[in-house]
N, C-alpha and C. Protein backbone atom coordinates (compact mmCIF):
# COMPACT_ATOMS: atom_id res chain seq x y z
N MET A 1 22.66 -55.79 0.17
CA MET A 1 22.29 -54.56 -0.35
C MET A 1 21.88 -54.77 -1.91
N MET A 2 20.90 -54.22 -2.16
CA MET A 2 20.14 -54.39 -3.44
C MET A 2 20.20 -53.17 -3.97
N VAL A 3 20.41 -53.05 -5.44
CA VAL A 3 20.52 -51.92 -6.33
C VAL A 3 19.48 -51.98 -7.34
N PHE A 4 18.64 -51.12 -7.47
CA PHE A 4 17.70 -51.16 -8.73
C PHE A 4 18.07 -50.12 -9.70
N GLN A 5 17.94 -50.58 -10.96
CA GLN A 5 18.23 -49.62 -11.86
C GLN A 5 16.97 -49.33 -12.84
N VAL A 6 16.70 -48.03 -13.08
CA VAL A 6 15.41 -47.77 -13.85
C VAL A 6 15.87 -46.98 -14.94
N ARG A 7 15.38 -47.59 -16.23
CA ARG A 7 15.73 -46.96 -17.52
C ARG A 7 14.40 -46.10 -18.06
N LEU A 8 14.55 -44.84 -18.25
CA LEU A 8 13.30 -44.16 -18.91
C LEU A 8 13.84 -43.51 -20.10
N PRO A 9 12.92 -43.44 -21.20
CA PRO A 9 13.20 -42.91 -22.27
C PRO A 9 13.52 -41.47 -22.03
N ARG A 10 14.24 -40.61 -22.80
CA ARG A 10 14.52 -39.27 -22.50
C ARG A 10 13.29 -38.53 -22.69
N ARG A 11 12.48 -38.65 -23.53
CA ARG A 11 11.26 -37.84 -23.44
C ARG A 11 10.47 -38.10 -22.03
N ARG A 12 10.22 -39.16 -21.44
CA ARG A 12 9.68 -39.42 -20.07
C ARG A 12 10.46 -38.83 -19.18
N ALA A 13 11.66 -38.93 -19.15
CA ALA A 13 12.48 -38.30 -18.06
C ALA A 13 12.47 -36.69 -18.12
N ALA A 14 12.31 -36.12 -19.15
CA ALA A 14 12.17 -34.69 -19.32
C ALA A 14 10.77 -34.08 -18.77
N ALA A 15 9.83 -34.81 -19.17
CA ALA A 15 8.48 -34.72 -18.72
C ALA A 15 8.38 -34.72 -17.18
N MET A 16 9.10 -35.67 -16.58
CA MET A 16 8.98 -35.98 -15.15
C MET A 16 9.77 -34.64 -14.60
N ALA A 17 10.91 -34.35 -15.14
CA ALA A 17 11.71 -33.20 -14.74
C ALA A 17 10.83 -31.72 -14.64
N ALA A 18 10.14 -31.64 -15.83
CA ALA A 18 9.37 -30.46 -15.92
C ALA A 18 8.14 -30.43 -14.94
N ALA A 19 7.61 -31.76 -14.68
CA ALA A 19 6.52 -31.65 -13.86
C ALA A 19 6.92 -31.38 -12.33
N VAL A 20 8.25 -31.79 -12.03
CA VAL A 20 8.73 -31.52 -10.59
C VAL A 20 9.12 -29.84 -10.55
N VAL A 21 9.62 -29.53 -11.62
CA VAL A 21 9.82 -27.97 -11.64
C VAL A 21 8.50 -27.18 -11.45
N MET A 22 7.33 -27.63 -12.12
CA MET A 22 5.99 -26.87 -12.18
C MET A 22 5.58 -26.90 -10.79
N VAL A 23 5.55 -28.15 -10.06
CA VAL A 23 5.18 -28.26 -8.91
C VAL A 23 6.00 -27.41 -7.65
N ALA A 24 7.27 -27.47 -7.97
CA ALA A 24 7.95 -26.49 -7.02
C ALA A 24 7.79 -24.99 -7.24
N ALA A 25 7.41 -24.58 -8.55
CA ALA A 25 7.05 -23.21 -8.72
C ALA A 25 5.62 -22.97 -8.26
N ALA A 26 4.62 -23.77 -8.35
CA ALA A 26 3.21 -23.62 -7.87
C ALA A 26 3.42 -23.45 -6.44
N ALA A 27 4.26 -24.38 -5.63
CA ALA A 27 4.36 -24.22 -4.15
C ALA A 27 4.83 -22.77 -3.82
N ALA A 28 6.00 -22.38 -4.72
CA ALA A 28 6.53 -21.02 -4.28
C ALA A 28 5.50 -19.94 -4.49
N VAL A 29 4.61 -20.05 -5.37
CA VAL A 29 3.58 -18.88 -5.62
C VAL A 29 2.60 -19.10 -4.52
N LEU A 30 2.15 -20.24 -3.98
CA LEU A 30 1.08 -20.45 -3.03
C LEU A 30 1.89 -19.95 -1.79
N ALA A 31 2.84 -20.18 -1.53
CA ALA A 31 3.62 -19.82 -0.28
C ALA A 31 3.54 -18.21 -0.08
N GLY A 32 3.76 -17.52 -1.22
CA GLY A 32 3.65 -15.99 -1.25
C GLY A 32 2.24 -15.53 -1.02
N CYS A 33 1.25 -16.29 -1.35
CA CYS A 33 -0.25 -16.09 -1.21
C CYS A 33 -0.78 -16.03 0.29
N PHE A 34 -0.12 -16.96 0.93
CA PHE A 34 -0.28 -17.27 2.50
C PHE A 34 0.74 -16.78 3.49
N ASN A 35 1.49 -15.67 3.01
CA ASN A 35 2.58 -15.27 4.15
C ASN A 35 1.99 -14.38 5.10
N GLY A 36 0.91 -14.07 5.23
CA GLY A 36 0.33 -13.35 6.32
C GLY A 36 0.15 -11.85 6.11
N LYS A 37 0.72 -11.37 4.86
CA LYS A 37 0.48 -10.06 4.56
C LYS A 37 -0.79 -9.80 3.90
N GLU A 38 -1.51 -8.68 4.27
CA GLU A 38 -2.62 -8.29 3.54
C GLU A 38 -2.40 -7.80 2.16
N LYS A 39 -3.57 -8.19 1.36
CA LYS A 39 -3.40 -7.82 -0.11
C LYS A 39 -3.43 -6.16 -0.15
N PRO A 40 -2.61 -5.73 -1.12
CA PRO A 40 -2.39 -4.33 -1.22
C PRO A 40 -3.74 -3.84 -1.65
N LEU A 41 -4.09 -2.55 -1.28
CA LEU A 41 -5.33 -1.87 -1.41
C LEU A 41 -5.07 -0.97 -2.62
N THR A 42 -5.69 -1.27 -3.74
CA THR A 42 -5.54 -0.34 -4.98
C THR A 42 -6.67 0.60 -5.24
N LEU A 43 -6.32 1.82 -5.46
CA LEU A 43 -7.29 2.84 -5.71
C LEU A 43 -7.03 3.53 -6.98
N ALA A 44 -7.48 3.10 -8.02
CA ALA A 44 -6.98 3.51 -9.24
C ALA A 44 -7.51 4.87 -9.87
N ASP A 45 -8.46 5.38 -9.26
CA ASP A 45 -9.00 6.67 -9.74
C ASP A 45 -9.72 7.64 -8.62
N ASP A 46 -10.07 8.89 -8.81
CA ASP A 46 -10.79 9.67 -7.77
C ASP A 46 -11.99 8.89 -7.26
N PRO A 47 -12.66 8.39 -8.02
CA PRO A 47 -14.02 7.88 -7.13
C PRO A 47 -13.53 6.74 -6.24
N ALA A 48 -12.62 5.95 -6.50
CA ALA A 48 -12.12 4.95 -5.79
C ALA A 48 -11.32 5.63 -4.46
N ARG A 49 -10.54 6.55 -4.66
CA ARG A 49 -9.97 7.17 -3.57
C ARG A 49 -11.10 7.88 -2.64
N VAL A 50 -12.11 8.68 -3.18
CA VAL A 50 -13.02 9.34 -2.37
C VAL A 50 -13.94 8.16 -1.49
N SER A 51 -14.16 7.13 -2.30
CA SER A 51 -14.94 6.03 -1.56
C SER A 51 -14.26 5.56 -0.52
N TYR A 52 -13.07 5.22 -0.43
CA TYR A 52 -12.12 4.72 0.49
C TYR A 52 -12.15 5.75 1.80
N LEU A 53 -12.06 7.00 1.46
CA LEU A 53 -11.97 8.12 2.54
C LEU A 53 -13.26 8.10 3.18
N GLN A 54 -14.42 8.07 2.28
CA GLN A 54 -15.79 8.09 2.95
C GLN A 54 -15.99 6.71 3.82
N GLU A 55 -15.37 5.52 3.47
CA GLU A 55 -15.54 4.43 4.29
C GLU A 55 -15.07 4.67 5.54
N LEU A 56 -13.98 5.45 5.72
CA LEU A 56 -13.25 6.01 6.98
C LEU A 56 -14.01 6.93 7.73
N GLY A 57 -15.14 7.42 7.12
CA GLY A 57 -15.88 8.51 8.02
C GLY A 57 -15.55 9.87 7.41
N TRP A 58 -14.71 10.16 6.43
CA TRP A 58 -14.54 11.43 5.85
C TRP A 58 -15.32 11.75 4.94
N GLN A 59 -15.79 13.10 4.92
CA GLN A 59 -16.67 13.53 3.68
C GLN A 59 -15.48 14.56 2.95
N VAL A 60 -15.13 14.33 1.78
CA VAL A 60 -14.33 14.98 0.95
C VAL A 60 -14.84 15.44 -0.21
N GLU A 61 -14.24 16.44 -0.77
CA GLU A 61 -14.59 16.96 -2.17
C GLU A 61 -14.37 15.94 -3.18
N SER A 62 -14.90 15.76 -4.24
CA SER A 62 -14.90 14.63 -5.23
C SER A 62 -13.33 14.73 -6.06
N THR A 63 -12.83 15.82 -6.10
CA THR A 63 -11.65 15.76 -6.81
C THR A 63 -10.35 16.47 -5.95
N PRO A 64 -9.38 16.06 -6.21
CA PRO A 64 -8.20 16.56 -5.43
C PRO A 64 -7.95 18.03 -5.39
N VAL A 65 -7.42 18.74 -4.55
CA VAL A 65 -7.00 20.13 -4.62
C VAL A 65 -5.62 20.19 -5.03
N GLU A 66 -4.87 19.06 -5.09
CA GLU A 66 -3.44 19.06 -5.53
C GLU A 66 -3.07 17.49 -5.68
N THR A 67 -2.33 17.36 -6.68
CA THR A 67 -1.82 16.00 -7.01
C THR A 67 -0.25 16.30 -7.05
N LEU A 68 0.46 15.73 -6.44
CA LEU A 68 1.96 15.82 -6.38
C LEU A 68 2.76 14.59 -6.63
N ASP A 69 3.57 14.55 -7.60
CA ASP A 69 4.57 13.48 -7.77
C ASP A 69 5.87 13.78 -7.11
N LEU A 70 6.26 12.69 -6.36
CA LEU A 70 7.49 12.71 -5.76
C LEU A 70 8.28 11.47 -5.75
N GLN A 71 9.57 11.67 -5.38
CA GLN A 71 10.41 10.56 -5.28
C GLN A 71 10.99 10.18 -3.79
N LEU A 72 10.60 9.20 -3.13
CA LEU A 72 10.91 9.00 -1.94
C LEU A 72 12.42 8.61 -1.85
N PRO A 73 13.16 9.15 -0.77
CA PRO A 73 14.53 8.68 -0.73
C PRO A 73 14.87 7.38 -0.41
N GLN A 74 15.96 6.94 -0.68
CA GLN A 74 16.38 5.40 -0.39
C GLN A 74 16.29 5.06 1.23
N GLU A 75 16.71 6.05 2.05
CA GLU A 75 16.55 6.03 3.59
C GLU A 75 15.68 6.98 3.94
N LEU A 76 14.59 6.38 4.46
CA LEU A 76 13.50 7.42 5.06
C LEU A 76 13.72 7.93 6.31
N ALA A 77 14.57 7.32 6.99
CA ALA A 77 14.85 7.85 8.42
C ALA A 77 15.08 9.17 8.71
N GLU A 78 15.69 9.97 8.00
CA GLU A 78 16.18 11.26 8.18
C GLU A 78 15.07 12.25 7.99
N THR A 79 14.32 12.23 6.63
CA THR A 79 13.33 13.20 6.28
C THR A 79 11.94 12.67 6.59
N TRP A 80 11.77 11.13 6.55
CA TRP A 80 10.39 10.65 6.52
C TRP A 80 10.18 9.74 7.72
N GLY A 81 11.04 9.70 8.57
CA GLY A 81 11.15 8.62 9.49
C GLY A 81 9.85 8.63 10.53
N GLU A 82 9.52 9.86 10.80
CA GLU A 82 8.23 9.96 11.77
C GLU A 82 6.96 9.55 10.97
N TYR A 83 7.28 9.91 9.71
CA TYR A 83 5.84 9.90 8.82
C TYR A 83 5.73 8.27 8.60
N ALA A 84 6.87 7.56 8.40
CA ALA A 84 6.84 6.23 8.19
C ALA A 84 6.42 5.23 9.33
N ALA A 85 6.77 6.03 10.56
CA ALA A 85 6.46 5.34 11.62
C ALA A 85 4.86 5.46 11.86
N MET A 86 4.26 6.69 11.60
CA MET A 86 2.96 6.96 11.72
C MET A 86 2.24 5.91 10.77
N GLN A 87 2.78 5.70 9.60
CA GLN A 87 2.17 4.76 8.70
C GLN A 87 2.06 3.30 9.04
N ALA A 88 3.27 2.93 9.73
CA ALA A 88 3.32 1.58 10.19
C ALA A 88 2.26 1.27 11.13
N THR A 89 1.97 2.31 11.99
CA THR A 89 0.87 2.05 13.06
C THR A 89 -0.54 2.04 12.40
N GLN A 90 -0.80 2.42 11.28
CA GLN A 90 -1.94 2.37 10.53
C GLN A 90 -1.96 1.03 9.67
N GLY A 91 -0.87 0.26 9.61
CA GLY A 91 -0.74 -0.95 8.90
C GLY A 91 -0.45 -0.63 7.43
N MET A 92 0.10 0.51 7.18
CA MET A 92 0.27 1.03 5.77
C MET A 92 1.73 0.67 5.38
N PRO A 93 2.09 0.13 4.24
CA PRO A 93 3.30 -0.28 3.80
C PRO A 93 4.37 0.88 3.38
N PHE A 94 4.15 2.14 3.86
CA PHE A 94 4.94 3.43 3.37
C PHE A 94 6.56 3.08 3.34
N ALA A 95 6.92 2.29 4.48
CA ALA A 95 8.38 2.27 4.33
C ALA A 95 9.00 1.17 3.51
N ASP A 96 8.06 0.36 2.97
CA ASP A 96 8.46 -0.64 1.94
C ASP A 96 8.82 -0.05 0.59
N TYR A 97 8.31 1.34 0.38
CA TYR A 97 8.51 1.93 -0.91
C TYR A 97 9.55 2.87 -0.88
N ALA A 98 10.22 2.85 0.03
CA ALA A 98 11.59 3.74 0.05
C ALA A 98 12.28 3.85 -1.35
N GLY A 99 12.52 4.88 -1.90
CA GLY A 99 13.42 4.96 -3.14
C GLY A 99 12.43 4.95 -4.36
N GLN A 100 11.08 4.93 -4.09
CA GLN A 100 10.17 4.57 -5.17
C GLN A 100 9.47 6.12 -5.51
N PRO A 101 8.90 6.08 -6.82
CA PRO A 101 8.26 7.34 -7.11
C PRO A 101 6.83 7.13 -6.81
N VAL A 102 6.14 8.24 -5.98
CA VAL A 102 4.86 8.06 -5.55
C VAL A 102 4.09 9.30 -5.85
N ARG A 103 2.88 9.19 -5.78
CA ARG A 103 2.00 10.27 -6.04
C ARG A 103 1.17 10.79 -4.81
N ARG A 104 1.08 11.97 -4.36
CA ARG A 104 0.19 12.33 -3.22
C ARG A 104 -1.09 13.08 -3.75
N TYR A 105 -2.25 12.39 -3.39
CA TYR A 105 -3.36 13.20 -3.72
C TYR A 105 -3.92 13.79 -2.45
N THR A 106 -4.28 15.07 -2.52
CA THR A 106 -4.87 15.75 -1.49
C THR A 106 -6.34 16.41 -1.87
N TYR A 107 -7.07 15.91 -0.69
CA TYR A 107 -8.70 16.18 -0.71
C TYR A 107 -8.95 17.10 0.40
N ARG A 108 -9.77 17.97 0.01
CA ARG A 108 -10.52 19.01 1.08
C ARG A 108 -11.49 18.11 1.81
N VAL A 109 -11.23 18.20 3.02
CA VAL A 109 -12.12 17.46 4.12
C VAL A 109 -13.21 18.52 4.52
N THR A 110 -14.53 18.06 4.49
CA THR A 110 -15.57 19.06 4.80
C THR A 110 -16.12 18.65 6.14
N ASN A 111 -15.79 17.55 6.71
CA ASN A 111 -16.59 17.29 7.98
C ASN A 111 -15.64 17.11 9.28
N TYR A 112 -14.65 17.63 9.29
CA TYR A 112 -13.62 17.49 10.43
C TYR A 112 -14.51 17.92 11.83
N PRO A 113 -14.53 17.35 12.99
CA PRO A 113 -15.24 17.69 14.07
C PRO A 113 -14.62 18.94 14.48
N GLY A 114 -15.49 20.06 14.65
CA GLY A 114 -15.05 21.25 15.17
C GLY A 114 -14.26 22.34 14.22
N MET A 115 -14.12 21.84 13.04
CA MET A 115 -13.44 22.60 12.14
C MET A 115 -14.05 22.64 10.72
N GLU A 116 -14.56 23.88 10.30
CA GLU A 116 -15.22 24.03 9.18
C GLU A 116 -14.41 24.03 7.91
N LYS A 117 -13.13 24.57 7.81
CA LYS A 117 -12.25 24.47 6.78
C LYS A 117 -10.80 24.38 7.17
N GLY A 118 -9.86 24.26 6.24
CA GLY A 118 -8.53 24.09 6.46
C GLY A 118 -8.13 22.72 6.77
N VAL A 119 -8.79 21.63 6.53
CA VAL A 119 -8.56 20.34 7.05
C VAL A 119 -8.26 19.57 5.55
N GLN A 120 -7.25 18.70 5.40
CA GLN A 120 -7.16 18.07 4.17
C GLN A 120 -6.69 16.44 4.48
N ALA A 121 -7.06 15.71 3.55
CA ALA A 121 -6.74 14.36 3.47
C ALA A 121 -5.69 13.98 2.44
N ASN A 122 -4.52 13.43 2.85
CA ASN A 122 -3.56 13.00 1.91
C ASN A 122 -3.49 11.58 1.60
N LEU A 123 -3.42 11.17 0.33
CA LEU A 123 -3.28 9.76 0.13
C LEU A 123 -2.03 9.55 -0.69
N TYR A 124 -1.03 8.60 -0.26
CA TYR A 124 0.07 8.43 -1.15
C TYR A 124 0.06 7.18 -1.63
N LEU A 125 0.13 7.01 -3.12
CA LEU A 125 0.09 5.94 -3.76
C LEU A 125 1.35 5.76 -4.68
N CYS A 126 1.74 4.40 -4.91
CA CYS A 126 2.65 4.06 -5.57
C CYS A 126 2.10 3.16 -6.99
N GLY A 127 2.00 3.84 -7.97
CA GLY A 127 1.17 3.11 -8.95
C GLY A 127 -0.27 3.53 -8.48
N ASP A 128 -0.92 2.30 -8.36
CA ASP A 128 -2.43 2.46 -7.79
C ASP A 128 -2.48 1.91 -6.44
N VAL A 129 -1.41 1.56 -5.78
CA VAL A 129 -1.27 0.84 -4.47
C VAL A 129 -1.08 1.86 -3.58
N LEU A 130 -2.19 1.84 -2.38
CA LEU A 130 -2.22 3.03 -1.26
C LEU A 130 -1.08 2.38 -0.53
N ILE A 131 -0.15 3.32 -0.13
CA ILE A 131 1.07 3.07 0.77
C ILE A 131 0.98 3.93 2.07
N GLY A 132 0.15 4.95 1.94
CA GLY A 132 -0.06 5.81 3.28
C GLY A 132 -0.92 6.93 3.21
N GLY A 133 -1.34 7.55 4.13
CA GLY A 133 -2.23 8.57 4.29
C GLY A 133 -2.39 9.27 5.58
N ASP A 134 -2.86 10.49 5.44
CA ASP A 134 -2.94 11.38 6.90
C ASP A 134 -3.98 12.27 6.50
N ILE A 135 -4.31 12.90 7.76
CA ILE A 135 -5.26 14.02 7.74
C ILE A 135 -4.45 15.19 8.30
N VAL A 136 -4.50 16.34 7.95
CA VAL A 136 -3.70 17.56 8.03
C VAL A 136 -4.47 18.76 8.18
N ALA A 137 -4.23 19.55 9.21
CA ALA A 137 -4.86 20.99 9.36
C ALA A 137 -3.73 21.87 8.87
N THR A 138 -4.01 22.84 8.15
CA THR A 138 -2.88 23.81 7.79
C THR A 138 -3.28 25.15 8.91
N GLY A 139 -2.29 26.02 8.76
CA GLY A 139 -2.48 27.21 9.39
C GLY A 139 -2.35 27.09 11.21
N LYS A 140 -2.66 28.22 11.71
CA LYS A 140 -2.67 28.21 13.43
C LYS A 140 -3.22 27.12 13.96
N GLY A 141 -2.65 26.46 14.96
CA GLY A 141 -3.18 25.05 15.63
C GLY A 141 -3.29 23.89 14.62
N GLY A 142 -2.40 23.93 13.66
CA GLY A 142 -2.48 22.86 12.61
C GLY A 142 -2.02 21.47 13.35
N PHE A 143 -2.25 20.49 12.71
CA PHE A 143 -2.11 19.11 13.28
C PHE A 143 -1.85 17.95 12.08
N GLN A 144 -1.33 16.83 12.47
CA GLN A 144 -1.44 15.96 11.40
C GLN A 144 -1.44 14.59 12.04
N HIS A 145 -2.47 13.76 11.72
CA HIS A 145 -2.55 12.35 12.35
C HIS A 145 -2.94 11.41 11.28
N GLY A 146 -3.03 9.99 11.56
CA GLY A 146 -3.51 9.15 10.62
C GLY A 146 -4.88 9.24 10.01
N LEU A 147 -5.14 8.32 9.33
CA LEU A 147 -6.60 8.57 8.55
C LEU A 147 -7.89 8.12 9.35
N GLU A 148 -7.52 7.51 10.57
CA GLU A 148 -8.76 7.18 11.49
C GLU A 148 -9.53 8.43 11.79
N TYR A 149 -10.87 8.30 11.54
CA TYR A 149 -11.81 9.33 11.84
C TYR A 149 -11.81 9.53 13.50
N PRO A 150 -11.48 10.79 14.01
CA PRO A 150 -11.46 11.15 15.47
C PRO A 150 -12.95 10.84 16.17
N GLY A 151 -12.67 10.09 17.36
CA GLY A 151 -14.03 10.02 18.05
C GLY A 151 -14.50 11.32 18.59
N VAL A 152 -15.89 11.52 18.69
CA VAL A 152 -16.48 12.77 19.07
C VAL A 152 -16.93 12.58 20.48
């Protein structure tokens, strides 16, 4: 059996240790970039939110009819469970934001097939990140569904 001994000056050993730490940190960051999740969609202002809805096929008024700040509960199952499930089917990360403060922007929809008025689009954002959304009709015969434009 042979034993090798290597002597390094302290500066060189410290530099090598720092290099190893930097490589490990870079690997951790890159692993997060390629974890299969989509990049979050950010909608920082009304034009960006309106443009997003238009890309989905919706025509909406340029300013929200209501903006509401709310705090999501830590456990969504009791009060928000069905809504969180609907968001999951749309690929939205609503459930990941349990316990967080969010803002709901409500826009008046002007082109819902077969309905001239009473339809709204809701977008839920945490900061500027879109976490959920729906289309809702108020009043008699009301409904709620995801953001996908209905086939005619």
